Amino acid sequence: MNDSLSPVFAALADPTRRDMVARLTEADATVGELAKPYDVSVQAISKHLKVLEQAGLVTRVAEGHRSPVHLEAEVFELMTKWIERYRQRAEARYRRLDAVLAEMNDETTGRRSRKETA
């Protein structure tokens, strides 16, 4: 079984990595730029980036002395399709439950009406 989403969800389980991903939706950034808001070393940020890279969420492109980190949006399409499939299944299940509850309510209301008229 090819499970490409597990590393993605595992990578996004960390709040620092989620924040980095959110910041990369605005623009590519260098490791130093990504490290600025955090009270951790550049080395720690590099480790976070390695996890994101292994999950396929980001890539680094060498441009001279700079190595901007780029967000790979295609991975989000895979995640969205997976989430949407299960959201639709859950919605269908809730619609069936709503129908059963409505039917039960109709039966209960119908019985009360007959008792009240008797």
PDB file of N, CA and C in Angstrom:
ATOM      1  N   MET A   1       0.843  -1.181   0.000  1.00  0.00           N
ATOM      2  CA  MET A   1       0.000   0.000   0.000  1.00  0.00           C
ATOM      3  C   MET A   1       0.887   1.244   0.000  1.00  0.00           C
ATOM      4  N   ASN A   2       0.670   2.130  -0.938  1.00  0.00           N
ATOM      5  CA  ASN A   2       1.419   3.371  -1.021  1.00  0.00           C
ATOM      6  C   ASN A   2       0.693   4.427  -0.203  1.00  0.00           C
ATOM      7  N   ASP A   3       1.234   4.737   0.961  1.00  0.00           N
ATOM      8  CA  ASP A   3       0.595   5.686   1.864  1.00  0.00           C
ATOM      9  C   ASP A   3       1.388   6.983   1.881  1.00  0.00           C
ATOM     10  N   SER A   4       1.102   7.852   0.944  1.00  0.00           N
ATOM     11  CA  SER A   4       1.850   9.104   0.854  1.00  0.00           C
ATOM     12  C   SER A   4       1.311  10.178   1.787  1.00  0.00           C
ATOM     13  N   LEU A   5       0.118   9.971   2.341  1.00  0.00           N
ATOM     14  CA  LEU A   5      -0.463  10.998   3.205  1.00  0.00           C
ATOM     15  C   LEU A   5      -0.006  10.902   4.655  1.00  0.00           C
ATOM     16  N   SER A   6       0.396   9.730   5.135  1.00  0.00           N
ATOM     17  CA  SER A   6       0.822   9.610   6.532  1.00  0.00           C
ATOM     18  C   SER A   6       1.984  10.534   6.863  1.00  0.00           C
ATOM     19  N   PRO A   7       3.037  10.586   6.038  1.00  0.00           N
ATOM     20  CA  PRO A   7       4.118  11.527   6.356  1.00  0.00           C
ATOM     21  C   PRO A   7       3.659  12.990   6.330  1.00  0.00           C
ATOM     22  N   VAL A   8       2.697  13.296   5.475  1.00  0.00           N
ATOM     23  CA  VAL A   8       2.192  14.667   5.391  1.00  0.00           C
ATOM     24  C   VAL A   8       1.470  15.037   6.674  1.00  0.00           C
ATOM     25  N   PHE A   9       0.542  14.167   7.100  1.00  0.00           N
ATOM     26  CA  PHE A   9      -0.195  14.458   8.324  1.00  0.00           C
ATOM     27  C   PHE A   9       0.731  14.450   9.536  1.00  0.00           C
ATOM     28  N   ALA A  10       1.712  13.557   9.553  1.00  0.00           N
ATOM     29  CA  ALA A  10       2.684  13.521  10.658  1.00  0.00           C
ATOM     30  C   ALA A  10       3.493  14.817  10.691  1.00  0.00           C
ATOM     31  N   ALA A  11       3.906  15.293   9.526  1.00  0.00           N
ATOM     32  CA  ALA A  11       4.674  16.538   9.466  1.00  0.00           C
ATOM     33  C   ALA A  11       3.846  17.712   9.961  1.00  0.00           C
ATOM     34  N   LEU A  12       2.575  17.724   9.631  1.00  0.00           N
ATOM     35  CA  LEU A  12       1.703  18.833  10.015  1.00  0.00           C
ATOM     36  C   LEU A  12       1.190  18.707  11.450  1.00  0.00           C
ATOM     37  N   ALA A  13       1.531  17.640  12.128  1.00  0.00           N
ATOM     38  CA  ALA A  13       1.110  17.471  13.526  1.00  0.00           C
ATOM     39  C   ALA A  13       1.843  18.439  14.448  1.00  0.00           C
ATOM     40  N   ASP A  14       2.963  18.949  14.005  1.00  0.00           N
ATOM     41  CA  ASP A  14       3.763  19.866  14.828  1.00  0.00           C
ATOM     42  C   ASP A  14       3.341  21.315  14.563  1.00  0.00           C
ATOM     43  N   PRO A  15       3.052  22.099  15.611  1.00  0.00           N
ATOM     44  CA  PRO A  15       2.580  23.478  15.398  1.00  0.00           C
ATOM     45  C   PRO A  15       3.615  24.393  14.746  1.00  0.00           C
ATOM     46  N   THR A  16       4.887  24.176  15.006  1.00  0.00           N
ATOM     47  CA  THR A  16       5.916  25.002  14.359  1.00  0.00           C
ATOM     48  C   THR A  16       5.921  24.746  12.861  1.00  0.00           C
ATOM     49  N   ARG A  17       5.831  23.477  12.476  1.00  0.00           N
ATOM     50  CA  ARG A  17       5.819  23.157  11.046  1.00  0.00           C
ATOM     51  C   ARG A  17       4.551  23.685  10.379  1.00  0.00           C
ATOM     52  N   ARG A  18       3.409  23.600  11.080  1.00  0.00           N
ATOM     53  CA  ARG A  18       2.173  24.154  10.503  1.00  0.00           C
ATOM     54  C   ARG A  18       2.320  25.656  10.297  1.00  0.00           C
ATOM     55  N   ASP A  19       2.932  26.328  11.258  1.00  0.00           N
ATOM     56  CA  ASP A  19       3.133  27.766  11.134  1.00  0.00           C
ATOM     57  C   ASP A  19       4.063  28.086   9.972  1.00  0.00           C
ATOM     58  N   MET A  20       5.118  27.301   9.827  1.00  0.00           N
ATOM     59  CA  MET A  20       6.038  27.506   8.712  1.00  0.00           C
ATOM     60  C   MET A  20       5.312  27.325   7.382  1.00  0.00           C
ATOM     61  N   VAL A  21       4.491  26.314   7.284  1.00  0.00           N
ATOM     62  CA  VAL A  21       3.715  26.076   6.061  1.00  0.00           C
ATOM     63  C   VAL A  21       2.795  27.268   5.804  1.00  0.00           C
ATOM     64  N   ALA A  22       2.140  27.749   6.848  1.00  0.00           N
ATOM     65  CA  ALA A  22       1.243  28.903   6.688  1.00  0.00           C
ATOM     66  C   ALA A  22       2.016  30.120   6.178  1.00  0.00           C
ATOM     67  N   ARG A  23       3.205  30.334   6.707  1.00  0.00           N
ATOM     68  CA  ARG A  23       4.011  31.465   6.262  1.00  0.00           C
ATOM     69  C   ARG A  23       4.477  31.278   4.826  1.00  0.00           C
ATOM     70  N   LEU A  24       4.747  30.041   4.431  1.00  0.00           N
ATOM     71  CA  LEU A  24       5.191  29.781   3.055  1.00  0.00           C
ATOM     72  C   LEU A  24       4.063  29.910   2.043  1.00  0.00           C
ATOM     73  N   THR A  25       2.807  29.968   2.492  1.00  0.00           N
ATOM     74  CA  THR A  25       1.712  30.223   1.545  1.00  0.00           C
ATOM     75  C   THR A  25       1.772  31.650   1.025  1.00  0.00           C
ATOM     76  N   GLU A  26       2.428  32.538   1.784  1.00  0.00           N
ATOM     77  CA  GLU A  26       2.564  33.931   1.370  1.00  0.00           C
ATOM     78  C   GLU A  26       3.684  34.103   0.346  1.00  0.00           C
ATOM     79  N   ALA A  27       4.827  33.459   0.605  1.00  0.00           N
ATOM     80  CA  ALA A  27       5.981  33.604  -0.291  1.00  0.00           C
ATOM     81  C   ALA A  27       7.061  32.609   0.109  1.00  0.00           C
ATOM     82  N   ASP A  28       7.933  32.279  -0.829  1.00  0.00           N
ATOM     83  CA  ASP A  28       9.098  31.459  -0.513  1.00  0.00           C
ATOM     84  C   ASP A  28       9.952  32.214   0.501  1.00  0.00           C
ATOM     85  N   ALA A  29      10.726  31.463   1.282  1.00  0.00           N
ATOM     86  CA  ALA A  29      11.574  32.088   2.298  1.00  0.00           C
ATOM     87  C   ALA A  29      12.838  31.263   2.489  1.00  0.00           C
ATOM     88  N   THR A  30      13.893  31.919   2.953  1.00  0.00           N
ATOM     89  CA  THR A  30      15.124  31.202   3.270  1.00  0.00           C
ATOM     90  C   THR A  30      14.975  30.581   4.662  1.00  0.00           C
ATOM     91  N   VAL A  31      15.885  29.696   4.992  1.00  0.00           N
ATOM     92  CA  VAL A  31      15.870  29.066   6.315  1.00  0.00           C
ATOM     93  C   VAL A  31      16.002  30.144   7.391  1.00  0.00           C
ATOM     94  N   GLY A  32      16.880  31.097   7.167  1.00  0.00           N
ATOM     95  CA  GLY A  32      17.061  32.191   8.127  1.00  0.00           C
ATOM     96  C   GLY A  32      15.792  33.001   8.317  1.00  0.00           C
ATOM     97  N   GLU A  33      15.106  33.294   7.213  1.00  0.00           N
ATOM     98  CA  GLU A  33      13.841  34.040   7.305  1.00  0.00           C
ATOM     99  C   GLU A  33      12.789  33.233   8.052  1.00  0.00           C
ATOM    100  N   LEU A  34      12.755  31.935   7.805  1.00  0.00           N
ATOM    101  CA  LEU A  34      11.781  31.088   8.505  1.00  0.00           C
ATOM    102  C   LEU A  34      12.098  30.983   9.993  1.00  0.00           C
ATOM    103  N   ALA A  35      13.380  31.053  10.344  1.00  0.00           N
ATOM    104  CA  ALA A  35      13.798  30.888  11.736  1.00  0.00           C
ATOM    105  C   ALA A  35      13.540  32.132  12.588  1.00  0.00           C
ATOM    106  N   LYS A  36      13.457  33.308  11.981  1.00  0.00           N
ATOM    107  CA  LYS A  36      13.372  34.574  12.729  1.00  0.00           C
ATOM    108  C   LYS A  36      12.327  34.600  13.849  1.00  0.00           C
ATOM    109  N   PRO A  37      11.090  34.230  13.612  1.00  0.00           N
ATOM    110  CA  PRO A  37      10.089  34.397  14.683  1.00  0.00           C
ATOM    111  C   PRO A  37      10.172  33.367  15.816  1.00  0.00           C
ATOM    112  N   TYR A  38      11.010  32.385  15.676  1.00  0.00           N
ATOM    113  CA  TYR A  38      11.053  31.305  16.664  1.00  0.00           C
ATOM    114  C   TYR A  38      12.269  31.456  17.578  1.00  0.00           C
ATOM    115  N   ASP A  39      12.091  31.035  18.801  1.00  0.00           N
ATOM    116  CA  ASP A  39      13.187  31.060  19.769  1.00  0.00           C
ATOM    117  C   ASP A  39      13.913  29.721  19.746  1.00  0.00           C
ATOM    118  N   VAL A  40      14.351  29.335  18.552  1.00  0.00           N
ATOM    119  CA  VAL A  40      15.100  28.087  18.360  1.00  0.00           C
ATOM    120  C   VAL A  40      16.235  28.362  17.381  1.00  0.00           C
ATOM    121  N   SER A  41      17.159  27.440  17.304  1.00  0.00           N
ATOM    122  CA  SER A  41      18.305  27.615  16.407  1.00  0.00           C
ATOM    123  C   SER A  41      17.905  27.400  14.948  1.00  0.00           C
ATOM    124  N   VAL A  42      18.743  27.902  14.064  1.00  0.00           N
ATOM    125  CA  VAL A  42      18.553  27.660  12.634  1.00  0.00           C
ATOM    126  C   VAL A  42      18.638  26.164  12.360  1.00  0.00           C
ATOM    127  N   GLN A  43      19.477  25.476  13.125  1.00  0.00           N
ATOM    128  CA  GLN A  43      19.608  24.024  12.974  1.00  0.00           C
ATOM    129  C   GLN A  43      18.276  23.325  13.286  1.00  0.00           C
ATOM    130  N   ALA A  44      17.575  23.784  14.322  1.00  0.00           N
ATOM    131  CA  ALA A  44      16.270  23.199  14.664  1.00  0.00           C
ATOM    132  C   ALA A  44      15.257  23.446  13.545  1.00  0.00           C
ATOM    133  N   ILE A  45      15.300  24.644  12.973  1.00  0.00           N
ATOM    134  CA  ILE A  45      14.404  24.955  11.852  1.00  0.00           C
ATOM    135  C   ILE A  45      14.751  24.072  10.658  1.00  0.00           C
ATOM    136  N   SER A  46      16.034  23.838  10.430  1.00  0.00           N
ATOM    137  CA  SER A  46      16.462  22.955   9.333  1.00  0.00           C
ATOM    138  C   SER A  46      15.925  21.546   9.533  1.00  0.00           C
ATOM    139  N   LYS A  47      15.882  21.083  10.774  1.00  0.00           N
ATOM    140  CA  LYS A  47      15.320  19.751  11.049  1.00  0.00           C
ATOM    141  C   LYS A  47      13.831  19.722  10.743  1.00  0.00           C
ATOM    142  N   HIS A  48      13.120  20.797  11.122  1.00  0.00           N
ATOM    143  CA  HIS A  48      11.695  20.883  10.787  1.00  0.00           C
ATOM    144  C   HIS A  48      11.512  20.873   9.276  1.00  0.00           C
ATOM    145  N   LEU A  49      12.344  21.617   8.573  1.00  0.00           N
ATOM    146  CA  LEU A  49      12.245  21.666   7.111  1.00  0.00           C
ATOM    147  C   LEU A  49      12.527  20.310   6.486  1.00  0.00           C
ATOM    148  N   LYS A  50      13.443  19.565   7.060  1.00  0.00           N
ATOM    149  CA  LYS A  50      13.745  18.235   6.532  1.00  0.00           C
ATOM    150  C   LYS A  50      12.515  17.332   6.621  1.00  0.00           C
ATOM    151  N   VAL A  51      11.782  17.428   7.734  1.00  0.00           N
ATOM    152  CA  VAL A  51      10.546  16.644   7.884  1.00  0.00           C
ATOM    153  C   VAL A  51       9.535  17.071   6.825  1.00  0.00           C
ATOM    154  N   LEU A  52       9.398  18.377   6.627  1.00  0.00           N
ATOM    155  CA  LEU A  52       8.462  18.879   5.619  1.00  0.00           C
ATOM    156  C   LEU A  52       8.884  18.456   4.212  1.00  0.00           C
ATOM    157  N   GLU A  53      10.179  18.448   3.956  1.00  0.00           N
ATOM    158  CA  GLU A  53      10.694  17.999   2.653  1.00  0.00           C
ATOM    159  C   GLU A  53      10.414  16.522   2.433  1.00  0.00           C
ATOM    160  N   GLN A  54      10.682  15.708   3.437  1.00  0.00           N
ATOM    161  CA  GLN A  54      10.463  14.262   3.307  1.00  0.00           C
ATOM    162  C   GLN A  54       8.988  13.948   3.081  1.00  0.00           C
ATOM    163  N   ALA A  55       8.113  14.789   3.605  1.00  0.00           N
ATOM    164  CA  ALA A  55       6.673  14.604   3.390  1.00  0.00           C
ATOM    165  C   ALA A  55       6.229  15.140   2.036  1.00  0.00           C
ATOM    166  N   GLY A  56       7.112  15.843   1.347  1.00  0.00           N
ATOM    167  CA  GLY A  56       6.768  16.392   0.038  1.00  0.00           C
ATOM    168  C   GLY A  56       6.070  17.734   0.103  1.00  0.00           C
ATOM    169  N   LEU A  57       6.029  18.347   1.293  1.00  0.00           N
ATOM    170  CA  LEU A  57       5.337  19.623   1.443  1.00  0.00           C
ATOM    171  C   LEU A  57       6.154  20.815   0.971  1.00  0.00           C
ATOM    172  N   VAL A  58       7.474  20.721   1.066  1.00  0.00           N
ATOM    173  CA  VAL A  58       8.327  21.823   0.631  1.00  0.00           C
ATOM    174  C   VAL A  58       9.504  21.289  -0.157  1.00  0.00           C
ATOM    175  N   THR A  59      10.086  22.169  -0.965  1.00  0.00           N
ATOM    176  CA  THR A  59      11.342  21.879  -1.660  1.00  0.00           C
ATOM    177  C   THR A  59      12.260  23.066  -1.455  1.00  0.00           C
ATOM    178  N   ARG A  60      13.553  22.807  -1.585  1.00  0.00           N
ATOM    179  CA  ARG A  60      14.544  23.884  -1.509  1.00  0.00           C
ATOM    180  C   ARG A  60      15.242  23.968  -2.855  1.00  0.00           C
ATOM    181  N   VAL A  61      15.354  25.166  -3.362  1.00  0.00           N
ATOM    182  CA  VAL A  61      15.990  25.397  -4.642  1.00  0.00           C
ATOM    183  C   VAL A  61      17.242  26.242  -4.397  1.00  0.00           C
ATOM    184  N   ALA A  62      18.387  25.713  -4.768  1.00  0.00           N
ATOM    185  CA  ALA A  62      19.633  26.451  -4.569  1.00  0.00           C
ATOM    186  C   ALA A  62      19.733  27.582  -5.575  1.00  0.00           C
ATOM    187  N   GLU A  63      19.873  28.790  -5.062  1.00  0.00           N
ATOM    188  CA  GLU A  63      20.055  29.980  -5.904  1.00  0.00           C
ATOM    189  C   GLU A  63      21.275  30.727  -5.371  1.00  0.00           C
ATOM    190  N   GLY A  64      22.443  30.348  -5.789  1.00  0.00           N
ATOM    191  CA  GLY A  64      23.660  30.978  -5.275  1.00  0.00           C
ATOM    192  C   GLY A  64      23.830  30.673  -3.801  1.00  0.00           C
ATOM    193  N   HIS A  65      23.934  31.722  -2.998  1.00  0.00           N
ATOM    194  CA  HIS A  65      24.097  31.537  -1.554  1.00  0.00           C
ATOM    195  C   HIS A  65      22.753  31.350  -0.854  1.00  0.00           C
ATOM    196  N   ARG A  66      21.700  31.672  -1.532  1.00  0.00           N
ATOM    197  CA  ARG A  66      20.352  31.517  -0.964  1.00  0.00           C
ATOM    198  C   ARG A  66      19.775  30.158  -1.348  1.00  0.00           C
ATOM    199  N   SER A  67      19.002  29.606  -0.460  1.00  0.00           N
ATOM    200  CA  SER A  67      18.257  28.379  -0.761  1.00  0.00           C
ATOM    201  C   SER A  67      16.817  28.582  -0.328  1.00  0.00           C
ATOM    202  N   PRO A  68      16.028  29.263  -1.161  1.00  0.00           N
ATOM    203  CA  PRO A  68      14.649  29.513  -0.763  1.00  0.00           C
ATOM    204  C   PRO A  68      13.860  28.204  -0.613  1.00  0.00           C
ATOM    205  N   VAL A  69      12.991  28.216   0.357  1.00  0.00           N
ATOM    206  CA  VAL A  69      12.104  27.079   0.602  1.00  0.00           C
ATOM    207  C   VAL A  69      10.800  27.382  -0.123  1.00  0.00           C
ATOM    208  N   HIS A  70      10.330  26.419  -0.872  1.00  0.00           N
ATOM    209  CA  HIS A  70       9.127  26.575  -1.696  1.00  0.00           C
ATOM    210  C   HIS A  70       8.067  25.578  -1.247  1.00  0.00           C
ATOM    211  N   LEU A  71       6.848  26.058  -1.062  1.00  0.00           N
ATOM    212  CA  LEU A  71       5.723  25.203  -0.675  1.00  0.00           C
ATOM    213  C   LEU A  71       5.184  24.475  -1.902  1.00  0.00           C
ATOM    214  N   GLU A  72       4.987  23.175  -1.787  1.00  0.00           N
ATOM    215  CA  GLU A  72       4.460  22.356  -2.891  1.00  0.00           C
ATOM    216  C   GLU A  72       2.947  22.187  -2.721  1.00  0.00           C
ATOM    217  N   ALA A  73       2.186  22.984  -3.434  1.00  0.00           N
ATOM    218  CA  ALA A  73       0.732  23.026  -3.282  1.00  0.00           C
ATOM    219  C   ALA A  73       0.035  21.731  -3.708  1.00  0.00           C
ATOM    220  N   GLU A  74       0.674  20.948  -4.579  1.00  0.00           N
ATOM    221  CA  GLU A  74       0.032  19.718  -5.077  1.00  0.00           C
ATOM    222  C   GLU A  74      -0.298  18.755  -3.932  1.00  0.00           C
ATOM    223  N   VAL A  75       0.533  18.774  -2.904  1.00  0.00           N
ATOM    224  CA  VAL A  75       0.299  17.875  -1.766  1.00  0.00           C
ATOM    225  C   VAL A  75      -1.021  18.220  -1.088  1.00  0.00           C
ATOM    226  N   PHE A  76      -1.342  19.506  -1.047  1.00  0.00           N
ATOM    227  CA  PHE A  76      -2.592  19.923  -0.426  1.00  0.00           C
ATOM    228  C   PHE A  76      -3.802  19.445  -1.220  1.00  0.00           C
ATOM    229  N   GLU A  77      -3.638  19.316  -2.527  1.00  0.00           N
ATOM    230  CA  GLU A  77      -4.724  18.773  -3.348  1.00  0.00           C
ATOM    231  C   GLU A  77      -5.000  17.326  -2.971  1.00  0.00           C
ATOM    232  N   LEU A  78      -3.948  16.543  -2.749  1.00  0.00           N
ATOM    233  CA  LEU A  78      -4.132  15.152  -2.309  1.00  0.00           C
ATOM    234  C   LEU A  78      -4.834  15.087  -0.970  1.00  0.00           C
ATOM    235  N   MET A  79      -4.401  15.941  -0.047  1.00  0.00           N
ATOM    236  CA  MET A  79      -5.017  15.967   1.277  1.00  0.00           C
ATOM    237  C   MET A  79      -6.480  16.371   1.174  1.00  0.00           C
ATOM    238  N   THR A  80      -6.761  17.372   0.366  1.00  0.00           N
ATOM    239  CA  THR A  80      -8.128  17.870   0.208  1.00  0.00           C
ATOM    240  C   THR A  80      -9.033  16.784  -0.366  1.00  0.00           C
ATOM    241  N   LYS A  81      -8.559  16.065  -1.360  1.00  0.00           N
ATOM    242  CA  LYS A  81      -9.359  14.979  -1.951  1.00  0.00           C
ATOM    243  C   LYS A  81      -9.637  13.900  -0.917  1.00  0.00           C
ATOM    244  N   TRP A  82      -8.635  13.541  -0.121  1.00  0.00           N
ATOM    245  CA  TRP A  82      -8.811  12.507   0.903  1.00  0.00           C
ATOM    246  C   TRP A  82      -9.824  12.971   1.954  1.00  0.00           C
ATOM    247  N   ILE A  83      -9.665  14.192   2.429  1.00  0.00           N
ATOM    248  CA  ILE A  83     -10.577  14.733   3.445  1.00  0.00           C
ATOM    249  C   ILE A  83     -11.988  14.847   2.885  1.00  0.00           C
ATOM    250  N   GLU A  84     -12.107  15.323   1.661  1.00  0.00           N
ATOM    251  CA  GLU A  84     -13.421  15.515   1.043  1.00  0.00           C
ATOM    252  C   GLU A  84     -14.169  14.185   0.901  1.00  0.00           C
ATOM    253  N   ARG A  85     -13.457  13.132   0.526  1.00  0.00           N
ATOM    254  CA  ARG A  85     -14.097  11.826   0.385  1.00  0.00           C
ATOM    255  C   ARG A  85     -14.752  11.403   1.703  1.00  0.00           C
ATOM    256  N   TYR A  86     -14.033  11.550   2.802  1.00  0.00           N
ATOM    257  CA  TYR A  86     -14.575  11.130   4.094  1.00  0.00           C
ATOM    258  C   TYR A  86     -15.595  12.122   4.640  1.00  0.00           C
ATOM    259  N   ARG A  87     -15.473  13.391   4.288  1.00  0.00           N
ATOM    260  CA  ARG A  87     -16.484  14.372   4.680  1.00  0.00           C
ATOM    261  C   ARG A  87     -17.813  14.041   4.011  1.00  0.00           C
ATOM    262  N   GLN A  88     -17.747  13.665   2.719  1.00  0.00           N
ATOM    263  CA  GLN A  88     -18.970  13.311   2.006  1.00  0.00           C
ATOM    264  C   GLN A  88     -19.620  12.072   2.606  1.00  0.00           C
ATOM    265  N   ARG A  89     -18.808  11.083   2.973  1.00  0.00           N
ATOM    266  CA  ARG A  89     -19.351   9.879   3.604  1.00  0.00           C
ATOM    267  C   ARG A  89     -20.020  10.215   4.927  1.00  0.00           C
ATOM    268  N   ALA A  90     -19.379  11.063   5.727  1.00  0.00           N
ATOM    269  CA  ALA A  90     -19.951  11.449   7.024  1.00  0.00           C
ATOM    270  C   ALA A  90     -21.247  12.223   6.821  1.00  0.00           C
ATOM    271  N   GLU A  91     -21.272  13.124   5.845  1.00  0.00           N
ATOM    272  CA  GLU A  91     -22.483  13.891   5.555  1.00  0.00           C
ATOM    273  C   GLU A  91     -23.626  12.966   5.155  1.00  0.00           C
ATOM    274  N   ALA A  92     -23.339  11.970   4.332  1.00  0.00           N
ATOM    275  CA  ALA A  92     -24.377  11.025   3.910  1.00  0.00           C
ATOM    276  C   ALA A  92     -24.908  10.258   5.123  1.00  0.00           C
ATOM    277  N   ARG A  93     -24.004   9.877   6.009  1.00  0.00           N
ATOM    278  CA  ARG A  93     -24.418   9.157   7.218  1.00  0.00           C
ATOM    279  C   ARG A  93     -25.324  10.033   8.089  1.00  0.00           C
ATOM    280  N   TYR A  94     -24.963  11.307   8.239  1.00  0.00           N
ATOM    281  CA  TYR A  94     -25.793  12.216   9.032  1.00  0.00           C
ATOM    282  C   TYR A  94     -27.141  12.468   8.371  1.00  0.00           C
ATOM    283  N   ARG A  95     -27.178  12.520   7.034  1.00  0.00           N
ATOM    284  CA  ARG A  95     -28.468  12.683   6.339  1.00  0.00           C
ATOM    285  C   ARG A  95     -29.366  11.479   6.604  1.00  0.00           C
ATOM    286  N   ARG A  96     -28.764  10.268   6.587  1.00  0.00           N
ATOM    287  CA  ARG A  96     -29.565   9.073   6.886  1.00  0.00           C
ATOM    288  C   ARG A  96     -30.078   9.114   8.319  1.00  0.00           C
ATOM    289  N   LEU A  97     -29.235   9.537   9.257  1.00  0.00           N
ATOM    290  CA  LEU A  97     -29.650   9.650  10.653  1.00  0.00           C
ATOM    291  C   LEU A  97     -30.760  10.680  10.797  1.00  0.00           C
ATOM    292  N   ASP A  98     -30.623  11.818  10.129  1.00  0.00           N
ATOM    293  CA  ASP A  98     -31.679  12.841  10.163  1.00  0.00           C
ATOM    294  C   ASP A  98     -33.001  12.282   9.658  1.00  0.00           C
ATOM    295  N   ALA A  99     -32.947  11.480   8.596  1.00  0.00           N
ATOM    296  CA  ALA A  99     -34.171  10.894   8.043  1.00  0.00           C
ATOM    297  C   ALA A  99     -34.812   9.932   9.039  1.00  0.00           C
ATOM    298  N   VAL A 100     -34.006   9.107   9.691  1.00  0.00           N
ATOM    299  CA  VAL A 100     -34.528   8.167  10.690  1.00  0.00           C
ATOM    300  C   VAL A 100     -35.151   8.937  11.851  1.00  0.00           C
ATOM    301  N   LEU A 101     -34.471   9.961  12.327  1.00  0.00           N
ATOM    302  CA  LEU A 101     -35.006  10.752  13.443  1.00  0.00           C
ATOM    303  C   LEU A 101     -36.292  11.469  13.050  1.00  0.00           C
ATOM    304  N   ALA A 102     -36.343  11.992  11.839  1.00  0.00           N
ATOM    305  CA  ALA A 102     -37.560  12.656  11.368  1.00  0.00           C
ATOM    306  C   ALA A 102     -38.707  11.664  11.291  1.00  0.00           C
ATOM    307  N   GLU A 103     -38.414  10.453  10.804  1.00  0.00           N
ATOM    308  CA  GLU A 103     -39.444   9.414  10.731  1.00  0.00           C
ATOM    309  C   GLU A 103     -39.928   9.034  12.129  1.00  0.00           C
ATOM    310  N   MET A 104     -39.003   8.890  13.053  1.00  0.00           N
ATOM    311  CA  MET A 104     -39.374   8.569  14.433  1.00  0.00           C
ATOM    312  C   MET A 104     -40.212   9.689  15.034  1.00  0.00           C
ATOM    313  N   ASN A 105     -39.854  10.934  14.744  1.00  0.00           N
ATOM    314  CA  ASN A 105     -40.606  12.081  15.249  1.00  0.00           C
ATOM    315  C   ASN A 105     -42.012  12.093  14.656  1.00  0.00           C
ATOM    316  N   ASP A 106     -42.133  11.782  13.361  1.00  0.00           N
ATOM    317  CA  ASP A 106     -43.445  11.736  12.710  1.00  0.00           C
ATOM    318  C   ASP A 106     -44.316  10.660  13.347  1.00  0.00           C
ATOM    319  N   GLU A 107     -43.728   9.502  13.617  1.00  0.00           N
ATOM    320  CA  GLU A 107     -44.478   8.409  14.242  1.00  0.00           C
ATOM    321  C   GLU A 107     -44.929   8.794  15.640  1.00  0.00           C
ATOM    322  N   THR A 108     -44.053   9.416  16.405  1.00  0.00           N
ATOM    323  CA  THR A 108     -44.381   9.836  17.770  1.00  0.00           C
ATOM    324  C   THR A 108     -45.453  10.911  17.740  1.00  0.00           C
ATOM    325  N   THR A 109     -45.333  11.872  16.864  1.00  0.00           N
ATOM    326  CA  THR A 109     -46.315  12.944  16.741  1.00  0.00           C
ATOM    327  C   THR A 109     -47.650  12.381  16.279  1.00  0.00           C
ATOM    328  N   GLY A 110     -47.632  11.443  15.367  1.00  0.00           N
ATOM    329  CA  GLY A 110     -48.865  10.822  14.878  1.00  0.00           C
ATOM    330  C   GLY A 110     -49.582  10.050  15.976  1.00  0.00           C
ATOM    331  N   ARG A 111     -48.886   9.364  16.826  1.00  0.00           N
ATOM    332  CA  ARG A 111     -49.490   8.621  17.947  1.00  0.00           C
ATOM    333  C   ARG A 111     -50.136   9.593  18.938  1.00  0.00           C
ATOM    334  N   ARG A 112     -49.455  10.688  19.242  1.00  0.00           N
ATOM    335  CA  ARG A 112     -50.022  11.668  20.169  1.00  0.00           C
ATOM    336  C   ARG A 112     -51.320  12.235  19.622  1.00  0.00           C
ATOM    337  N   SER A 113     -51.319  12.508  18.322  1.00  0.00           N
ATOM    338  CA  SER A 113     -52.503  13.088  17.717  1.00  0.00           C
ATOM    339  C   SER A 113     -53.684  12.150  17.834  1.00  0.00           C
ATOM    340  N   ARG A 114     -53.467  10.844  17.624  1.00  0.00           N
ATOM    341  CA  ARG A 114     -54.557   9.865  17.728  1.00  0.00           C
ATOM    342  C   ARG A 114     -55.049   9.756  19.167  1.00  0.00           C
ATOM    343  N   LYS A 115     -54.142   9.798  20.128  1.00  0.00           N
ATOM    344  CA  LYS A 115     -54.547   9.697  21.534  1.00  0.00           C
ATOM    345  C   LYS A 115     -55.333  10.930  21.951  1.00  0.00           C
ATOM    346  N   GLU A 116     -54.921  12.107  21.473  1.00  0.00           N
ATOM    347  CA  GLU A 116     -55.589  13.331  21.847  1.00  0.00           C
ATOM    348  C   GLU A 116     -56.992  13.383  21.261  1.00  0.00           C
ATOM    349  N   THR A 117     -57.202  12.767  20.114  1.00  0.00           N
ATOM    350  CA  THR A 117     -58.533  12.813  19.483  1.00  0.00           C
ATOM    351  C   THR A 117     -59.464  11.752  20.044  1.00  0.00           C
ATOM    352  N   ALA A 118     -58.927  10.776  20.746  1.00  0.00           N
ATOM    353  CA  ALA A 118     -59.773   9.682  21.261  1.00  0.00           C
ATOM    354  C   ALA A 118     -60.469  10.041  22.530  1.00  0.00           C
TER     355      ALA A 118
END
